[in-house]
Amino acid sequence: MERIEYDWPGHFIGAKDCKFFRTTHVNGWRVSTVGEYRPRGCEEGPPEHIGLDRYYETMVFPLADAVCSCGCGAHEVRSWSNEDFDAYQTESGAAAGHEAMVRRYAKITPTPEGQGDE
Protein backbone atom coordinates (compact mmCIF):
# COMPACT_ATOMS: atom_id res chain seq x y z
CA MET A 1 0.00 0.00 0.00
CA GLU A 2 1.42 3.34 -1.04
CA ARG A 3 0.47 6.40 0.99
CA ILE A 4 1.41 9.84 -0.33
CA GLU A 5 0.79 13.06 1.60
CA TYR A 6 0.36 16.32 -0.32
CA ASP A 7 0.73 19.85 1.02
CA TRP A 8 -2.39 21.26 -0.64
CA PRO A 9 -6.16 21.00 -0.18
CA GLY A 10 -7.67 18.19 -2.22
CA HIS A 11 -11.24 19.43 -2.69
CA PHE A 12 -13.67 22.32 -1.98
CA ILE A 13 -13.88 25.32 -4.27
CA GLY A 14 -13.11 27.71 -1.39
CA ALA A 15 -10.17 25.67 -0.09
CA LYS A 16 -7.67 28.46 -0.77
CA ASP A 17 -9.27 30.21 2.23
CA CYS A 18 -9.10 27.15 4.52
CA LYS A 19 -6.41 27.25 7.19
CA PHE A 20 -6.63 23.48 7.78
CA PHE A 21 -6.22 20.92 5.02
CA ARG A 22 -4.80 17.44 4.50
CA THR A 23 -4.66 15.46 1.29
CA THR A 24 -3.60 11.83 1.20
CA HIS A 25 -3.51 9.46 -1.78
CA VAL A 26 -3.82 5.85 -0.69
CA ASN A 27 -4.61 2.68 -2.65
CA GLY A 28 -6.18 4.55 -5.60
CA TRP A 29 -8.14 7.08 -3.49
CA ARG A 30 -7.83 10.74 -2.60
CA VAL A 31 -8.76 11.41 1.02
CA SER A 32 -9.15 15.15 1.47
CA THR A 33 -9.95 17.04 4.66
CA VAL A 34 -10.48 20.80 4.76
CA GLY A 35 -11.69 23.27 7.34
CA GLU A 36 -11.22 26.44 9.34
CA TYR A 37 -12.68 28.36 6.41
CA ARG A 38 -11.88 32.06 6.60
CA PRO A 39 -12.84 33.75 3.33
CA ARG A 40 -11.11 37.01 2.43
CA GLY A 41 -12.39 39.82 4.58
CA CYS A 42 -13.46 37.42 7.35
CA GLU A 43 -10.06 36.48 8.78
CA GLU A 44 -10.94 37.75 12.29
CA GLY A 45 -13.37 35.98 14.57
CA PRO A 46 -14.61 32.41 14.30
CA PRO A 47 -14.28 30.46 11.07
CA GLU A 48 -17.28 30.08 8.79
CA HIS A 49 -19.09 26.81 8.11
CA ILE A 50 -17.98 24.99 4.96
CA GLY A 51 -21.27 23.15 4.73
CA LEU A 52 -24.39 22.55 6.73
CA ASP A 53 -23.41 22.95 10.40
CA ARG A 54 -19.80 21.87 9.96
CA TYR A 55 -16.42 23.58 10.17
CA TYR A 56 -14.39 20.66 8.76
CA GLU A 57 -15.11 17.83 6.34
CA THR A 58 -13.43 14.80 4.80
CA MET A 59 -14.34 13.54 1.35
CA VAL A 60 -13.00 10.56 -0.59
CA PHE A 61 -12.63 10.40 -4.39
CA PRO A 62 -11.36 7.64 -6.72
CA LEU A 63 -8.14 8.42 -8.58
CA ALA A 64 -7.52 8.08 -12.30
CA ASP A 65 -4.41 6.47 -13.79
CA ALA A 66 -3.44 9.80 -15.39
CA VAL A 67 -1.06 12.13 -13.60
CA CYS A 68 -2.05 15.78 -13.29
CA SER A 69 -0.70 17.96 -16.11
CA CYS A 70 0.27 20.80 -13.72
CA GLY A 71 3.47 19.00 -12.74
CA CYS A 72 2.57 18.31 -9.10
CA GLY A 73 3.02 14.55 -9.65
CA ALA A 74 -0.37 13.64 -8.16
CA HIS A 75 -2.91 11.47 -9.91
CA GLU A 76 -6.02 13.16 -11.23
CA VAL A 77 -9.37 12.48 -9.61
CA ARG A 78 -11.49 10.15 -11.75
CA SER A 79 -14.84 11.38 -10.43
CA TRP A 80 -15.68 14.35 -8.21
CA SER A 81 -18.78 12.55 -6.90
CA ASN A 82 -17.44 11.78 -3.46
CA GLU A 83 -17.35 8.14 -2.42
CA ASP A 84 -17.49 8.84 1.30
CA PHE A 85 -17.89 11.79 3.64
CA ASP A 86 -17.63 12.79 7.28
CA ALA A 87 -18.04 16.11 9.11
CA TYR A 88 -16.38 17.54 12.21
CA GLN A 89 -16.59 20.58 14.44
CA THR A 90 -12.98 20.69 15.66
CA GLU A 91 -9.51 20.51 14.18
CA SER A 92 -8.62 17.52 16.37
CA GLY A 93 -11.78 15.73 15.21
CA ALA A 94 -10.89 16.49 11.59
CA ALA A 95 -7.32 15.21 12.00
CA ALA A 96 -8.51 11.99 13.65
CA GLY A 97 -11.31 11.57 11.10
CA HIS A 98 -8.86 12.03 8.21
CA GLU A 99 -6.60 9.29 9.59
CA ALA A 100 -9.56 6.96 10.14
CA MET A 101 -10.70 7.47 6.55
CA VAL A 102 -7.16 6.85 5.23
CA ARG A 103 -6.99 3.58 7.20
CA ARG A 104 -10.39 2.53 5.88
CA TYR A 105 -9.60 3.27 2.22
CA ALA A 106 -6.17 1.66 2.44
CA LYS A 107 -8.18 -1.61 2.50
CA ILE A 108 -10.63 -0.79 -0.33
CA THR A 109 -9.71 -1.04 -4.00
CA PRO A 110 -11.64 1.21 -6.38
CA THR A 111 -13.45 -0.45 -9.28
CA PRO A 112 -13.60 1.09 -12.77
CA GLU A 113 -16.92 2.75 -11.91
CA GLY A 114 -15.33 4.36 -8.84
CA GLN A 115 -17.15 2.24 -6.26
CA GLY A 116 -14.96 0.41 -3.79
CA ASP A 117 -14.58 -3.32 -3.27
CA GLU A 118 -13.56 -4.39 0.23
C-alpha atoms as a PDB file:
ATOM      1  CA  MET A   1       0.000   0.000   0.000  1.00  0.00           C
ATOM      2  CA  GLU A   2       1.421   3.337  -1.042  1.00  0.00           C
ATOM      3  CA  ARG A   3       0.474   6.403   0.992  1.00  0.00           C
ATOM      4  CA  ILE A   4       1.408   9.837  -0.330  1.00  0.00           C
ATOM      5  CA  GLU A   5       0.789  13.060   1.596  1.00  0.00           C
ATOM      6  CA  TYR A   6       0.356  16.324  -0.320  1.00  0.00           C
ATOM      7  CA  ASP A   7       0.729  19.852   1.022  1.00  0.00           C
ATOM      8  CA  TRP A   8      -2.388  21.259  -0.639  1.00  0.00           C
ATOM      9  CA  PRO A   9      -6.158  20.997  -0.180  1.00  0.00           C
ATOM     10  CA  GLY A  10      -7.668  18.187  -2.223  1.00  0.00           C
ATOM     11  CA  HIS A  11     -11.245  19.435  -2.685  1.00  0.00           C
ATOM     12  CA  PHE A  12     -13.666  22.323  -1.982  1.00  0.00           C
ATOM     13  CA  ILE A  13     -13.877  25.316  -4.272  1.00  0.00           C
ATOM     14  CA  GLY A  14     -13.113  27.705  -1.389  1.00  0.00           C
ATOM     15  CA  ALA A  15     -10.165  25.675  -0.088  1.00  0.00           C
ATOM     16  CA  LYS A  16      -7.670  28.462  -0.766  1.00  0.00           C
ATOM     17  CA  ASP A  17      -9.272  30.207   2.232  1.00  0.00           C
ATOM     18  CA  CYS A  18      -9.097  27.154   4.520  1.00  0.00           C
ATOM     19  CA  LYS A  19      -6.413  27.250   7.192  1.00  0.00           C
ATOM     20  CA  PHE A  20      -6.632  23.476   7.775  1.00  0.00           C
ATOM     21  CA  PHE A  21      -6.217  20.919   5.024  1.00  0.00           C
ATOM     22  CA  ARG A  22      -4.798  17.443   4.499  1.00  0.00           C
ATOM     23  CA  THR A  23      -4.658  15.463   1.292  1.00  0.00           C
ATOM     24  CA  THR A  24      -3.598  11.833   1.196  1.00  0.00           C
ATOM     25  CA  HIS A  25      -3.508   9.460  -1.776  1.00  0.00           C
ATOM     26  CA  VAL A  26      -3.820   5.847  -0.690  1.00  0.00           C
ATOM     27  CA  ASN A  27      -4.614   2.684  -2.651  1.00  0.00           C
ATOM     28  CA  GLY A  28      -6.182   4.549  -5.602  1.00  0.00           C
ATOM     29  CA  TRP A  29      -8.139   7.080  -3.489  1.00  0.00           C
ATOM     30  CA  ARG A  30      -7.828  10.739  -2.599  1.00  0.00           C
ATOM     31  CA  VAL A  31      -8.759  11.408   1.016  1.00  0.00           C
ATOM     32  CA  SER A  32      -9.154  15.149   1.467  1.00  0.00           C
ATOM     33  CA  THR A  33      -9.950  17.038   4.656  1.00  0.00           C
ATOM     34  CA  VAL A  34     -10.481  20.798   4.760  1.00  0.00           C
ATOM     35  CA  GLY A  35     -11.693  23.268   7.338  1.00  0.00           C
ATOM     36  CA  GLU A  36     -11.222  26.439   9.341  1.00  0.00           C
ATOM     37  CA  TYR A  37     -12.683  28.358   6.415  1.00  0.00           C
ATOM     38  CA  ARG A  38     -11.883  32.061   6.597  1.00  0.00           C
ATOM     39  CA  PRO A  39     -12.835  33.754   3.331  1.00  0.00           C
ATOM     40  CA  ARG A  40     -11.110  37.007   2.429  1.00  0.00           C
ATOM     41  CA  GLY A  41     -12.387  39.817   4.576  1.00  0.00           C
ATOM     42  CA  CYS A  42     -13.457  37.419   7.351  1.00  0.00           C
ATOM     43  CA  GLU A  43     -10.061  36.483   8.784  1.00  0.00           C
ATOM     44  CA  GLU A  44     -10.944  37.751  12.286  1.00  0.00           C
ATOM     45  CA  GLY A  45     -13.369  35.978  14.575  1.00  0.00           C
ATOM     46  CA  PRO A  46     -14.608  32.411  14.303  1.00  0.00           C
ATOM     47  CA  PRO A  47     -14.277  30.455  11.066  1.00  0.00           C
ATOM     48  CA  GLU A  48     -17.281  30.075   8.787  1.00  0.00           C
ATOM     49  CA  HIS A  49     -19.091  26.808   8.111  1.00  0.00           C
ATOM     50  CA  ILE A  50     -17.983  24.991   4.962  1.00  0.00           C
ATOM     51  CA  GLY A  51     -21.274  23.151   4.728  1.00  0.00           C
ATOM     52  CA  LEU A  52     -24.388  22.547   6.732  1.00  0.00           C
ATOM     53  CA  ASP A  53     -23.413  22.945  10.397  1.00  0.00           C
ATOM     54  CA  ARG A  54     -19.799  21.875   9.958  1.00  0.00           C
ATOM     55  CA  TYR A  55     -16.424  23.578  10.172  1.00  0.00           C
ATOM     56  CA  TYR A  56     -14.388  20.663   8.758  1.00  0.00           C
ATOM     57  CA  GLU A  57     -15.108  17.831   6.343  1.00  0.00           C
ATOM     58  CA  THR A  58     -13.433  14.804   4.804  1.00  0.00           C
ATOM     59  CA  MET A  59     -14.341  13.544   1.348  1.00  0.00           C
ATOM     60  CA  VAL A  60     -12.997  10.556  -0.588  1.00  0.00           C
ATOM     61  CA  PHE A  61     -12.632  10.399  -4.385  1.00  0.00           C
ATOM     62  CA  PRO A  62     -11.357   7.639  -6.723  1.00  0.00           C
ATOM     63  CA  LEU A  63      -8.136   8.422  -8.578  1.00  0.00           C
ATOM     64  CA  ALA A  64      -7.517   8.076 -12.303  1.00  0.00           C
ATOM     65  CA  ASP A  65      -4.410   6.471 -13.789  1.00  0.00           C
ATOM     66  CA  ALA A  66      -3.441   9.798 -15.386  1.00  0.00           C
ATOM     67  CA  VAL A  67      -1.061  12.126 -13.598  1.00  0.00           C
ATOM     68  CA  CYS A  68      -2.050  15.781 -13.295  1.00  0.00           C
ATOM     69  CA  SER A  69      -0.700  17.959 -16.106  1.00  0.00           C
ATOM     70  CA  CYS A  70       0.268  20.798 -13.722  1.00  0.00           C
ATOM     71  CA  GLY A  71       3.474  18.996 -12.744  1.00  0.00           C
ATOM     72  CA  CYS A  72       2.574  18.311  -9.096  1.00  0.00           C
ATOM     73  CA  GLY A  73       3.018  14.553  -9.646  1.00  0.00           C
ATOM     74  CA  ALA A  74      -0.371  13.635  -8.161  1.00  0.00           C
ATOM     75  CA  HIS A  75      -2.913  11.468  -9.912  1.00  0.00           C
ATOM     76  CA  GLU A  76      -6.024  13.161 -11.232  1.00  0.00           C
ATOM     77  CA  VAL A  77      -9.369  12.485  -9.610  1.00  0.00           C
ATOM     78  CA  ARG A  78     -11.491  10.153 -11.751  1.00  0.00           C
ATOM     79  CA  SER A  79     -14.840  11.380 -10.425  1.00  0.00           C
ATOM     80  CA  TRP A  80     -15.682  14.349  -8.206  1.00  0.00           C
ATOM     81  CA  SER A  81     -18.775  12.553  -6.900  1.00  0.00           C
ATOM     82  CA  ASN A  82     -17.437  11.779  -3.463  1.00  0.00           C
ATOM     83  CA  GLU A  83     -17.351   8.142  -2.419  1.00  0.00           C
ATOM     84  CA  ASP A  84     -17.487   8.836   1.297  1.00  0.00           C
ATOM     85  CA  PHE A  85     -17.894  11.787   3.638  1.00  0.00           C
ATOM     86  CA  ASP A  86     -17.632  12.785   7.281  1.00  0.00           C
ATOM     87  CA  ALA A  87     -18.038  16.109   9.109  1.00  0.00           C
ATOM     88  CA  TYR A  88     -16.382  17.535  12.210  1.00  0.00           C
ATOM     89  CA  GLN A  89     -16.593  20.577  14.437  1.00  0.00           C
ATOM     90  CA  THR A  90     -12.983  20.691  15.664  1.00  0.00           C
ATOM     91  CA  GLU A  91      -9.507  20.505  14.183  1.00  0.00           C
ATOM     92  CA  SER A  92      -8.621  17.517  16.368  1.00  0.00           C
ATOM     93  CA  GLY A  93     -11.776  15.727  15.206  1.00  0.00           C
ATOM     94  CA  ALA A  94     -10.891  16.489  11.585  1.00  0.00           C
ATOM     95  CA  ALA A  95      -7.321  15.210  11.997  1.00  0.00           C
ATOM     96  CA  ALA A  96      -8.513  11.988  13.650  1.00  0.00           C
ATOM     97  CA  GLY A  97     -11.306  11.575  11.099  1.00  0.00           C
ATOM     98  CA  HIS A  98      -8.864  12.026   8.212  1.00  0.00           C
ATOM     99  CA  GLU A  99      -6.600   9.290   9.589  1.00  0.00           C
ATOM    100  CA  ALA A 100      -9.563   6.963  10.143  1.00  0.00           C
ATOM    101  CA  MET A 101     -10.705   7.471   6.547  1.00  0.00           C
ATOM    102  CA  VAL A 102      -7.162   6.847   5.232  1.00  0.00           C
ATOM    103  CA  ARG A 103      -6.987   3.579   7.201  1.00  0.00           C
ATOM    104  CA  ARG A 104     -10.392   2.531   5.881  1.00  0.00           C
ATOM    105  CA  TYR A 105      -9.597   3.265   2.225  1.00  0.00           C
ATOM    106  CA  ALA A 106      -6.172   1.657   2.441  1.00  0.00           C
ATOM    107  CA  LYS A 107      -8.180  -1.606   2.503  1.00  0.00           C
ATOM    108  CA  ILE A 108     -10.631  -0.790  -0.327  1.00  0.00           C
ATOM    109  CA  THR A 109      -9.707  -1.045  -4.002  1.00  0.00           C
ATOM    110  CA  PRO A 110     -11.641   1.211  -6.382  1.00  0.00           C
ATOM    111  CA  THR A 111     -13.446  -0.451  -9.281  1.00  0.00           C
ATOM    112  CA  PRO A 112     -13.598   1.087 -12.771  1.00  0.00           C
ATOM    113  CA  GLU A 113     -16.915   2.752 -11.911  1.00  0.00           C
ATOM    114  CA  GLY A 114     -15.334   4.363  -8.843  1.00  0.00           C
ATOM    115  CA  GLN A 115     -17.146   2.243  -6.260  1.00  0.00           C
ATOM    116  CA  GLY A 116     -14.960   0.405  -3.794  1.00  0.00           C
ATOM    117  CA  ASP A 117     -14.581  -3.323  -3.271  1.00  0.00           C
ATOM    118  CA  GLU A 118     -13.556  -4.385   0.226  1.00  0.00           C
END
